[in-house]
Amino acid sequence: MPKAPKTPSCVPTPNPRPSLHRLISAPWRILPDFLLIGAQKSGTTDLDRRISRSPRILPRAAKECRILAGPRPSRVRCRSLQESGFRQARLRRRFGGRFRAGDACPYYLFHPRTPKVARDLLGPDLDLVVLLRDPALRAWSHHRHETRLGVETLDFEDAIEQETTRLAGETRRLLDDPDAISGPHEHFSYLARGRYAEQLERWFEAFGSERTLVLFSEDHFKDPDGTSNRVLDWLGLPPNPTDGTPTIANRGDGEVPSPEILGRLRGYFAPENERLARLLGRPVPWPDP
């Protein structure tokens, strides 16, 4: 009987470290009032880039602050990577209207501890944006991404076969230990991250579904400016001018799964997609197996 392949060493992605100046000035900085929480490999980087072009979204020091999914999260650390309250007040006096501050991290949707942490640190009035992609293609793209990074050493089918073993006990450990981090949970969760309903249910429990805008990546890929302006409208902000540039940021390498692999993935995710459709009260745009 062949031996199971070894799981390669895997460490979590490090959180951005705020500078000493930002930590000292944190009491005068603002907290995020909206989050773009995922899913990974669904176009979140591109969506974040497009909505951040709005002059009414305040800049932050890091693209993925990641603090809410890391050890020892605090309001001070959340504030440290955001703009100052003084600048926000000056902009409001000068231009009027609303200004928003956000954080974007595709790991937030999947991380089991983050919904409660976000509610405790940022309050119950947080607005959430979720971008979901066909979970079969998302899983494949995720594996290609980890392989390019050098984190994943197994081929796709072996990685899928080993996923349950790799992730065994990791969700429970993250929930039980407020400072725990997990490389396997973050990097090797190809199938688990596509079970969207169970992830959204945690966020709905913390904030309510009415505070969550759920979009589909397929719509974003067809009309990225339209999708980003839909997000801005939902945040109470005016639209960005359309620049006519269809290029999507952070695209993968273009490799696609074989029809056999894609069929098996779609069969696996079919009941999960039905559960998601019931949760959202609308159909999902992904093909049946």
C-alpha atoms as a PDB file:
ATOM      1  CA  MET A   1       0.000   0.000   0.000  1.00  0.00           C
ATOM      2  CA  PRO A   2       1.594   3.328  -1.006  1.00  0.00           C
ATOM      3  CA  LYS A   3       2.487   5.771   1.730  1.00  0.00           C
ATOM      4  CA  ALA A   4       0.532   8.971   1.992  1.00  0.00           C
ATOM      5  CA  PRO A   5       2.566  11.948   0.810  1.00  0.00           C
ATOM      6  CA  LYS A   6       4.046  14.151   3.476  1.00  0.00           C
ATOM      7  CA  THR A   7       2.465  17.497   4.138  1.00  0.00           C
ATOM      8  CA  PRO A   8       5.053  20.168   3.357  1.00  0.00           C
ATOM      9  CA  SER A   9       5.863  22.722   6.003  1.00  0.00           C
ATOM     10  CA  CYS A  10       3.468  25.630   5.722  1.00  0.00           C
ATOM     11  CA  VAL A  11       3.411  28.900   7.612  1.00  0.00           C
ATOM     12  CA  PRO A  12       0.638  31.506   7.649  1.00  0.00           C
ATOM     13  CA  THR A  13       1.012  34.690   5.644  1.00  0.00           C
ATOM     14  CA  PRO A  14       2.409  37.352   8.003  1.00  0.00           C
ATOM     15  CA  ASN A  15       0.251  40.304   8.979  1.00  0.00           C
ATOM     16  CA  PRO A  16       1.381  43.810   7.978  1.00  0.00           C
ATOM     17  CA  ARG A  17       3.271  45.425  10.843  1.00  0.00           C
ATOM     18  CA  PRO A  18       2.302  49.032  11.509  1.00  0.00           C
ATOM     19  CA  SER A  19       5.136  51.491  11.988  1.00  0.00           C
ATOM     20  CA  LEU A  20       5.914  52.938  15.400  1.00  0.00           C
ATOM     21  CA  HIS A  21       4.532  56.282  14.224  1.00  0.00           C
ATOM     22  CA  ARG A  22       1.215  54.683  13.283  1.00  0.00           C
ATOM     23  CA  LEU A  23       0.989  52.800  16.568  1.00  0.00           C
ATOM     24  CA  ILE A  24       1.636  55.985  18.538  1.00  0.00           C
ATOM     25  CA  SER A  25      -0.929  57.920  16.501  1.00  0.00           C
ATOM     26  CA  ALA A  26      -3.509  55.097  16.548  1.00  0.00           C
ATOM     27  CA  PRO A  27      -5.825  56.784  19.114  1.00  0.00           C
ATOM     28  CA  TRP A  28      -6.397  59.574  16.555  1.00  0.00           C
ATOM     29  CA  ARG A  29      -7.008  57.193  13.654  1.00  0.00           C
ATOM     30  CA  ILE A  30     -10.357  55.758  12.611  1.00  0.00           C
ATOM     31  CA  LEU A  31     -11.662  52.210  12.603  1.00  0.00           C
ATOM     32  CA  PRO A  32     -12.776  50.518   9.370  1.00  0.00           C
ATOM     33  CA  ASP A  33     -16.514  50.805   8.781  1.00  0.00           C
ATOM     34  CA  PHE A  34     -16.710  48.207   6.002  1.00  0.00           C
ATOM     35  CA  LEU A  35     -14.893  44.994   5.090  1.00  0.00           C
ATOM     36  CA  LEU A  36     -14.333  43.211   1.786  1.00  0.00           C
ATOM     37  CA  ILE A  37     -14.037  39.706   3.219  1.00  0.00           C
ATOM     38  CA  GLY A  38     -13.470  37.358   0.258  1.00  0.00           C
ATOM     39  CA  ALA A  39     -13.536  34.794  -1.159  1.00  0.00           C
ATOM     40  CA  GLN A  40      -9.915  34.145  -2.104  1.00  0.00           C
ATOM     41  CA  LYS A  41      -9.194  33.862  -5.875  1.00  0.00           C
ATOM     42  CA  SER A  42     -12.562  35.430  -6.658  1.00  0.00           C
ATOM     43  CA  GLY A  43     -11.448  38.866  -7.844  1.00  0.00           C
ATOM     44  CA  THR A  44     -11.284  40.592  -4.457  1.00  0.00           C
ATOM     45  CA  THR A  45      -7.931  42.261  -5.208  1.00  0.00           C
ATOM     46  CA  ASP A  46      -9.334  43.793  -8.369  1.00  0.00           C
ATOM     47  CA  LEU A  47     -12.589  44.862  -6.721  1.00  0.00           C
ATOM     48  CA  ASP A  48     -10.688  46.437  -3.828  1.00  0.00           C
ATOM     49  CA  ARG A  49      -8.435  48.300  -6.254  1.00  0.00           C
ATOM     50  CA  ARG A  50     -11.408  49.653  -8.205  1.00  0.00           C
ATOM     51  CA  ILE A  51     -13.500  50.846  -5.265  1.00  0.00           C
ATOM     52  CA  SER A  52     -10.375  52.371  -3.673  1.00  0.00           C
ATOM     53  CA  ARG A  53     -10.149  54.734  -6.647  1.00  0.00           C
ATOM     54  CA  SER A  54     -13.085  56.582  -5.118  1.00  0.00           C
ATOM     55  CA  PRO A  55     -11.942  59.828  -3.450  1.00  0.00           C
ATOM     56  CA  ARG A  56     -14.527  59.086  -0.750  1.00  0.00           C
ATOM     57  CA  ILE A  57     -12.817  55.897   0.393  1.00  0.00           C
ATOM     58  CA  LEU A  58      -9.975  56.833   2.695  1.00  0.00           C
ATOM     59  CA  PRO A  59      -6.596  55.222   1.995  1.00  0.00           C
ATOM     60  CA  ARG A  60      -5.070  52.631   4.303  1.00  0.00           C
ATOM     61  CA  ALA A  61      -1.461  51.652   4.827  1.00  0.00           C
ATOM     62  CA  ALA A  62      -1.706  48.031   3.648  1.00  0.00           C
ATOM     63  CA  LYS A  63      -3.749  46.222   0.981  1.00  0.00           C
ATOM     64  CA  GLU A  64      -4.604  43.329   3.312  1.00  0.00           C
ATOM     65  CA  CYS A  65      -4.483  44.466   6.915  1.00  0.00           C
ATOM     66  CA  ARG A  66      -5.277  40.889   8.095  1.00  0.00           C
ATOM     67  CA  ILE A  67      -5.355  41.963  11.737  1.00  0.00           C
ATOM     68  CA  LEU A  68      -8.770  40.441  12.468  1.00  0.00           C
ATOM     69  CA  ALA A  69      -7.514  36.958  11.500  1.00  0.00           C
ATOM     70  CA  GLY A  70      -4.209  37.185  13.340  1.00  0.00           C
ATOM     71  CA  PRO A  71      -3.012  36.816  16.906  1.00  0.00           C
ATOM     72  CA  ARG A  72      -3.779  39.486  19.498  1.00  0.00           C
ATOM     73  CA  PRO A  73      -6.119  41.637  17.381  1.00  0.00           C
ATOM     74  CA  SER A  74      -6.953  44.998  18.938  1.00  0.00           C
ATOM     75  CA  ARG A  75      -8.624  48.301  18.117  1.00  0.00           C
ATOM     76  CA  VAL A  76      -5.220  49.990  18.305  1.00  0.00           C
ATOM     77  CA  ARG A  77      -3.801  47.740  15.595  1.00  0.00           C
ATOM     78  CA  CYS A  78      -6.947  48.113  13.468  1.00  0.00           C
ATOM     79  CA  ARG A  79      -6.723  51.896  13.747  1.00  0.00           C
ATOM     80  CA  SER A  80      -2.979  52.042  13.116  1.00  0.00           C
ATOM     81  CA  LEU A  81      -3.274  51.087   9.434  1.00  0.00           C
ATOM     82  CA  GLN A  82      -6.132  53.535   8.723  1.00  0.00           C
ATOM     83  CA  GLU A  83      -6.375  57.263   8.001  1.00  0.00           C
ATOM     84  CA  SER A  84      -6.581  59.842  10.788  1.00  0.00           C
ATOM     85  CA  GLY A  85      -9.867  61.140  12.093  1.00  0.00           C
ATOM     86  CA  PHE A  86      -8.589  64.699  11.606  1.00  0.00           C
ATOM     87  CA  ARG A  87      -8.214  64.166   7.860  1.00  0.00           C
ATOM     88  CA  GLN A  88     -11.657  62.600   7.654  1.00  0.00           C
ATOM     89  CA  ALA A  89     -13.165  65.597   9.458  1.00  0.00           C
ATOM     90  CA  ARG A  90     -11.339  68.075   7.184  1.00  0.00           C
ATOM     91  CA  LEU A  91     -12.605  66.300   4.060  1.00  0.00           C
ATOM     92  CA  ARG A  92     -16.170  66.323   5.366  1.00  0.00           C
ATOM     93  CA  ARG A  93     -15.988  70.059   6.110  1.00  0.00           C
ATOM     94  CA  ARG A  94     -14.471  70.819   2.706  1.00  0.00           C
ATOM     95  CA  PHE A  95     -16.530  68.584   0.436  1.00  0.00           C
ATOM     96  CA  GLY A  96     -19.502  67.430   2.497  1.00  0.00           C
ATOM     97  CA  GLY A  97     -21.050  64.001   2.147  1.00  0.00           C
ATOM     98  CA  ARG A  98     -19.821  60.684   3.423  1.00  0.00           C
ATOM     99  CA  PHE A  99     -16.324  59.194   3.570  1.00  0.00           C
ATOM    100  CA  ARG A 100     -15.748  55.500   4.249  1.00  0.00           C
ATOM    101  CA  ALA A 101     -12.781  53.493   5.540  1.00  0.00           C
ATOM    102  CA  GLY A 102     -12.363  49.806   4.800  1.00  0.00           C
ATOM    103  CA  ASP A 103     -10.211  46.734   5.055  1.00  0.00           C
ATOM    104  CA  ALA A 104      -9.976  43.924   2.507  1.00  0.00           C
ATOM    105  CA  CYS A 105      -8.801  40.396   3.231  1.00  0.00           C
ATOM    106  CA  PRO A 106     -10.026  37.258   1.404  1.00  0.00           C
ATOM    107  CA  TYR A 107      -9.065  35.090   4.401  1.00  0.00           C
ATOM    108  CA  TYR A 108     -11.654  36.826   6.595  1.00  0.00           C
ATOM    109  CA  LEU A 109     -14.616  35.003   5.032  1.00  0.00           C
ATOM    110  CA  PHE A 110     -13.138  31.581   5.760  1.00  0.00           C
ATOM    111  CA  HIS A 111     -11.531  32.213   9.139  1.00  0.00           C
ATOM    112  CA  PRO A 112     -13.876  30.852  11.844  1.00  0.00           C
ATOM    113  CA  ARG A 113     -12.876  33.336  14.541  1.00  0.00           C
ATOM    114  CA  THR A 114     -13.028  36.532  12.520  1.00  0.00           C
ATOM    115  CA  PRO A 115     -16.803  37.297  12.528  1.00  0.00           C
ATOM    116  CA  LYS A 116     -16.913  37.510  16.336  1.00  0.00           C
ATOM    117  CA  VAL A 117     -13.588  39.378  16.484  1.00  0.00           C
ATOM    118  CA  ALA A 118     -14.853  41.886  13.912  1.00  0.00           C
ATOM    119  CA  ARG A 119     -18.073  42.488  15.838  1.00  0.00           C
ATOM    120  CA  ASP A 120     -16.246  42.859  19.165  1.00  0.00           C
ATOM    121  CA  LEU A 121     -13.598  45.271  17.822  1.00  0.00           C
ATOM    122  CA  LEU A 122     -15.423  47.181  15.084  1.00  0.00           C
ATOM    123  CA  GLY A 123     -19.020  47.114  16.332  1.00  0.00           C
ATOM    124  CA  PRO A 124     -22.317  45.737  14.983  1.00  0.00           C
ATOM    125  CA  ASP A 125     -22.804  48.410  12.286  1.00  0.00           C
ATOM    126  CA  LEU A 126     -20.055  47.152  10.010  1.00  0.00           C
ATOM    127  CA  ASP A 127     -20.932  46.737   6.322  1.00  0.00           C
ATOM    128  CA  LEU A 128     -19.654  43.617   4.542  1.00  0.00           C
ATOM    129  CA  VAL A 129     -18.936  42.911   0.875  1.00  0.00           C
ATOM    130  CA  VAL A 130     -18.486  39.336  -0.389  1.00  0.00           C
ATOM    131  CA  LEU A 131     -17.441  38.236  -3.881  1.00  0.00           C
ATOM    132  CA  LEU A 132     -18.035  34.539  -4.627  1.00  0.00           C
ATOM    133  CA  ARG A 133     -16.693  32.529  -7.566  1.00  0.00           C
ATOM    134  CA  ASP A 134     -17.677  29.139  -8.987  1.00  0.00           C
ATOM    135  CA  PRO A 135     -16.172  26.998  -6.177  1.00  0.00           C
ATOM    136  CA  ALA A 136     -14.859  24.368  -8.600  1.00  0.00           C
ATOM    137  CA  LEU A 137     -12.792  26.908 -10.536  1.00  0.00           C
ATOM    138  CA  ARG A 138     -11.897  28.714  -7.320  1.00  0.00           C
ATOM    139  CA  ALA A 139     -10.403  25.514  -5.841  1.00  0.00           C
ATOM    140  CA  TRP A 140      -8.320  24.919  -8.962  1.00  0.00           C
ATOM    141  CA  SER A 141      -7.108  28.534  -9.043  1.00  0.00           C
ATOM    142  CA  HIS A 142      -6.287  28.386  -5.335  1.00  0.00           C
ATOM    143  CA  HIS A 143      -4.087  25.325  -5.863  1.00  0.00           C
ATOM    144  CA  ARG A 144      -2.316  26.971  -8.825  1.00  0.00           C
ATOM    145  CA  HIS A 145      -1.700  30.033  -6.646  1.00  0.00           C
ATOM    146  CA  GLU A 146      -0.173  28.035  -3.775  1.00  0.00           C
ATOM    147  CA  THR A 147       1.960  26.065  -6.241  1.00  0.00           C
ATOM    148  CA  ARG A 148       3.337  29.260  -7.794  1.00  0.00           C
ATOM    149  CA  LEU A 149       4.188  30.522  -4.307  1.00  0.00           C
ATOM    150  CA  GLY A 150       6.103  27.312  -3.587  1.00  0.00           C
ATOM    151  CA  VAL A 151       3.839  26.508  -0.630  1.00  0.00           C
ATOM    152  CA  GLU A 152       2.121  23.553  -2.304  1.00  0.00           C
ATOM    153  CA  THR A 153       4.232  20.604  -3.502  1.00  0.00           C
ATOM    154  CA  LEU A 154       1.459  18.106  -4.282  1.00  0.00           C
ATOM    155  CA  ASP A 155      -0.429  17.956  -7.555  1.00  0.00           C
ATOM    156  CA  PHE A 156      -4.081  18.975  -7.474  1.00  0.00           C
ATOM    157  CA  GLU A 157      -5.656  15.554  -7.062  1.00  0.00           C
ATOM    158  CA  ASP A 158      -3.220  14.515  -4.313  1.00  0.00           C
ATOM    159  CA  ALA A 159      -3.774  17.834  -2.539  1.00  0.00           C
ATOM    160  CA  ILE A 160      -7.551  17.330  -2.621  1.00  0.00           C
ATOM    161  CA  GLU A 161      -7.162  13.784  -1.321  1.00  0.00           C
ATOM    162  CA  GLN A 162      -4.964  14.984   1.552  1.00  0.00           C
ATOM    163  CA  GLU A 163      -7.063  18.043   2.451  1.00  0.00           C
ATOM    164  CA  THR A 164      -9.134  16.399   5.195  1.00  0.00           C
ATOM    165  CA  THR A 165      -5.983  15.082   6.875  1.00  0.00           C
ATOM    166  CA  ARG A 166      -4.156  18.377   6.556  1.00  0.00           C
ATOM    167  CA  LEU A 167      -7.018  20.397   8.040  1.00  0.00           C
ATOM    168  CA  ALA A 168      -8.024  17.926  10.764  1.00  0.00           C
ATOM    169  CA  GLY A 169      -8.597  19.803  14.027  1.00  0.00           C
ATOM    170  CA  GLU A 170      -7.438  23.165  12.660  1.00  0.00           C
ATOM    171  CA  THR A 171     -10.822  24.919  12.766  1.00  0.00           C
ATOM    172  CA  ARG A 172     -11.407  23.781  16.347  1.00  0.00           C
ATOM    173  CA  ARG A 173      -7.903  24.928  17.342  1.00  0.00           C
ATOM    174  CA  LEU A 174      -8.463  28.367  15.821  1.00  0.00           C
ATOM    175  CA  LEU A 175     -11.749  28.720  17.688  1.00  0.00           C
ATOM    176  CA  ASP A 176     -10.385  27.497  21.025  1.00  0.00           C
ATOM    177  CA  ASP A 177      -7.199  29.579  21.044  1.00  0.00           C
ATOM    178  CA  PRO A 178      -7.707  33.315  20.346  1.00  0.00           C
ATOM    179  CA  ASP A 179      -4.056  33.677  19.326  1.00  0.00           C
ATOM    180  CA  ALA A 180      -3.764  30.523  17.192  1.00  0.00           C
ATOM    181  CA  ILE A 181      -2.727  30.738  13.541  1.00  0.00           C
ATOM    182  CA  SER A 182      -2.711  27.918  11.009  1.00  0.00           C
ATOM    183  CA  GLY A 183      -0.753  27.626   7.794  1.00  0.00           C
ATOM    184  CA  PRO A 184      -2.616  24.521   6.573  1.00  0.00           C
ATOM    185  CA  HIS A 185      -5.998  26.163   7.252  1.00  0.00           C
ATOM    186  CA  GLU A 186      -5.018  29.215   5.229  1.00  0.00           C
ATOM    187  CA  HIS A 187      -3.149  27.569   2.346  1.00  0.00           C
ATOM    188  CA  PHE A 188      -4.475  24.023   1.838  1.00  0.00           C
ATOM    189  CA  SER A 189      -8.245  24.657   2.119  1.00  0.00           C
ATOM    190  CA  TYR A 190      -9.123  24.119  -1.546  1.00  0.00           C
ATOM    191  CA  LEU A 191     -12.500  22.414  -1.064  1.00  0.00           C
ATOM    192  CA  ALA A 192     -13.318  23.852   2.357  1.00  0.00           C
ATOM    193  CA  ARG A 193     -13.213  27.447   1.142  1.00  0.00           C
ATOM    194  CA  GLY A 194     -15.819  26.646  -1.509  1.00  0.00           C
ATOM    195  CA  ARG A 195     -18.420  25.650   1.083  1.00  0.00           C
ATOM    196  CA  TYR A 196     -19.678  29.211   1.102  1.00  0.00           C
ATOM    197  CA  ALA A 197     -22.956  28.826   2.987  1.00  0.00           C
ATOM    198  CA  GLU A 198     -21.366  27.682   6.253  1.00  0.00           C
ATOM    199  CA  GLN A 199     -18.958  30.625   6.108  1.00  0.00           C
ATOM    200  CA  LEU A 200     -21.651  33.205   5.370  1.00  0.00           C
ATOM    201  CA  GLU A 201     -23.828  31.822   8.151  1.00  0.00           C
ATOM    202  CA  ARG A 202     -21.153  32.766  10.690  1.00  0.00           C
ATOM    203  CA  TRP A 203     -21.045  36.329   9.358  1.00  0.00           C
ATOM    204  CA  PHE A 204     -24.849  36.580   9.168  1.00  0.00           C
ATOM    205  CA  GLU A 205     -25.042  35.472  12.790  1.00  0.00           C
ATOM    206  CA  ALA A 206     -22.585  38.204  13.809  1.00  0.00           C
ATOM    207  CA  PHE A 207     -23.921  41.076  11.679  1.00  0.00           C
ATOM    208  CA  GLY A 208     -27.162  40.035   9.975  1.00  0.00           C
ATOM    209  CA  SER A 209     -27.663  39.319   6.311  1.00  0.00           C
ATOM    210  CA  GLU A 210     -29.011  42.823   5.713  1.00  0.00           C
ATOM    211  CA  ARG A 211     -25.527  44.272   6.274  1.00  0.00           C
ATOM    212  CA  THR A 212     -23.906  41.929   3.739  1.00  0.00           C
ATOM    213  CA  LEU A 213     -23.707  42.509  -0.017  1.00  0.00           C
ATOM    214  CA  VAL A 214     -23.041  39.184  -1.770  1.00  0.00           C
ATOM    215  CA  LEU A 215     -21.865  39.428  -5.393  1.00  0.00           C
ATOM    216  CA  PHE A 216     -20.707  36.852  -7.931  1.00  0.00           C
ATOM    217  CA  SER A 217     -17.289  36.941  -9.548  1.00  0.00           C
ATOM    218  CA  GLU A 218     -18.710  35.996 -12.927  1.00  0.00           C
ATOM    219  CA  ASP A 219     -20.638  39.297 -12.990  1.00  0.00           C
ATOM    220  CA  HIS A 220     -17.522  41.182 -11.905  1.00  0.00           C
ATOM    221  CA  PHE A 221     -15.361  39.614 -14.613  1.00  0.00           C
ATOM    222  CA  LYS A 222     -17.911  40.656 -17.263  1.00  0.00           C
ATOM    223  CA  ASP A 223     -18.389  44.216 -15.981  1.00  0.00           C
ATOM    224  CA  PRO A 224     -15.788  45.125 -13.340  1.00  0.00           C
ATOM    225  CA  ASP A 225     -16.587  48.836 -13.312  1.00  0.00           C
ATOM    226  CA  GLY A 226     -20.301  48.109 -12.995  1.00  0.00           C
ATOM    227  CA  THR A 227     -19.691  45.787 -10.062  1.00  0.00           C
ATOM    228  CA  SER A 228     -17.405  48.236  -8.278  1.00  0.00           C
ATOM    229  CA  ASN A 229     -19.938  51.027  -8.705  1.00  0.00           C
ATOM    230  CA  ARG A 230     -22.640  48.756  -7.312  1.00  0.00           C
ATOM    231  CA  VAL A 231     -20.477  48.345  -4.204  1.00  0.00           C
ATOM    232  CA  LEU A 232     -19.936  52.105  -3.938  1.00  0.00           C
ATOM    233  CA  ASP A 233     -23.683  52.708  -4.230  1.00  0.00           C
ATOM    234  CA  TRP A 234     -24.324  50.141  -1.496  1.00  0.00           C
ATOM    235  CA  LEU A 235     -21.775  51.977   0.689  1.00  0.00           C
ATOM    236  CA  GLY A 236     -23.654  55.227   0.092  1.00  0.00           C
ATOM    237  CA  LEU A 237     -20.987  56.730  -2.193  1.00  0.00           C
ATOM    238  CA  PRO A 238     -21.159  58.171  -5.728  1.00  0.00           C
ATOM    239  CA  PRO A 239     -19.893  56.040  -8.630  1.00  0.00           C
ATOM    240  CA  ASN A 240     -16.430  56.230 -10.104  1.00  0.00           C
ATOM    241  CA  PRO A 241     -16.082  57.397 -13.701  1.00  0.00           C
ATOM    242  CA  THR A 242     -15.839  54.397 -16.027  1.00  0.00           C
ATOM    243  CA  ASP A 243     -12.351  54.270 -17.536  1.00  0.00           C
ATOM    244  CA  GLY A 244     -13.177  51.525 -20.027  1.00  0.00           C
ATOM    245  CA  THR A 245     -10.274  49.358 -18.858  1.00  0.00           C
ATOM    246  CA  PRO A 246     -11.450  45.726 -18.700  1.00  0.00           C
ATOM    247  CA  THR A 247      -8.184  44.335 -17.302  1.00  0.00           C
ATOM    248  CA  ILE A 248      -8.690  42.362 -14.112  1.00  0.00           C
ATOM    249  CA  ALA A 249      -5.902  42.615 -11.549  1.00  0.00           C
ATOM    250  CA  ASN A 250      -4.176  39.554 -10.117  1.00  0.00           C
ATOM    251  CA  ARG A 251      -5.359  37.063 -12.729  1.00  0.00           C
ATOM    252  CA  GLY A 252      -4.088  33.478 -12.529  1.00  0.00           C
ATOM    253  CA  ASP A 253      -1.857  31.703 -15.031  1.00  0.00           C
ATOM    254  CA  GLY A 254      -4.683  30.700 -17.377  1.00  0.00           C
ATOM    255  CA  GLU A 255      -4.406  26.947 -16.760  1.00  0.00           C
ATOM    256  CA  VAL A 256      -7.775  25.178 -16.552  1.00  0.00           C
ATOM    257  CA  PRO A 257      -8.705  21.798 -15.043  1.00  0.00           C
ATOM    258  CA  SER A 258      -9.448  18.821 -17.232  1.00  0.00           C
ATOM    259  CA  PRO A 259     -13.130  18.072 -17.935  1.00  0.00           C
ATOM    260  CA  GLU A 260     -12.873  15.009 -15.659  1.00  0.00           C
ATOM    261  CA  ILE A 261     -11.516  16.969 -12.707  1.00  0.00           C
ATOM    262  CA  LEU A 262     -13.953  19.817 -13.278  1.00  0.00           C
ATOM    263  CA  GLY A 263     -16.880  17.389 -13.408  1.00  0.00           C
ATOM    264  CA  ARG A 264     -15.886  15.778 -10.109  1.00  0.00           C
ATOM    265  CA  LEU A 265     -15.488  19.159  -8.462  1.00  0.00           C
ATOM    266  CA  ARG A 266     -18.869  20.334  -9.695  1.00  0.00           C
ATOM    267  CA  GLY A 267     -20.447  17.139  -8.411  1.00  0.00           C
ATOM    268  CA  TYR A 268     -18.847  17.687  -4.990  1.00  0.00           C
ATOM    269  CA  PHE A 269     -20.027  21.298  -4.762  1.00  0.00           C
ATOM    270  CA  ALA A 270     -23.566  20.771  -6.125  1.00  0.00           C
ATOM    271  CA  PRO A 271     -25.228  20.305  -2.684  1.00  0.00           C
ATOM    272  CA  GLU A 272     -23.146  23.144  -1.253  1.00  0.00           C
ATOM    273  CA  ASN A 273     -24.324  25.450  -4.035  1.00  0.00           C
ATOM    274  CA  GLU A 274     -27.936  24.480  -3.379  1.00  0.00           C
ATOM    275  CA  ARG A 275     -27.462  25.308   0.290  1.00  0.00           C
ATOM    276  CA  LEU A 276     -25.978  28.684  -0.672  1.00  0.00           C
ATOM    277  CA  ALA A 277     -28.886  29.455  -3.011  1.00  0.00           C
ATOM    278  CA  ARG A 278     -31.367  28.747  -0.203  1.00  0.00           C
ATOM    279  CA  LEU A 279     -29.409  30.973   2.170  1.00  0.00           C
ATOM    280  CA  LEU A 280     -29.279  33.869  -0.290  1.00  0.00           C
ATOM    281  CA  GLY A 281     -32.802  33.364  -1.612  1.00  0.00           C
ATOM    282  CA  ARG A 282     -31.613  33.480  -5.216  1.00  0.00           C
ATOM    283  CA  PRO A 283     -29.947  31.053  -7.662  1.00  0.00           C
ATOM    284  CA  VAL A 284     -26.188  30.911  -8.103  1.00  0.00           C
ATOM    285  CA  PRO A 285     -24.757  31.326 -11.635  1.00  0.00           C
ATOM    286  CA  TRP A 286     -22.545  28.239 -11.674  1.00  0.00           C
ATOM    287  CA  PRO A 287     -23.120  25.204 -13.902  1.00  0.00           C
ATOM    288  CA  ASP A 288     -24.626  22.026 -12.522  1.00  0.00           C
ATOM    289  CA  PRO A 289     -22.438  18.901 -12.670  1.00  0.00           C
END
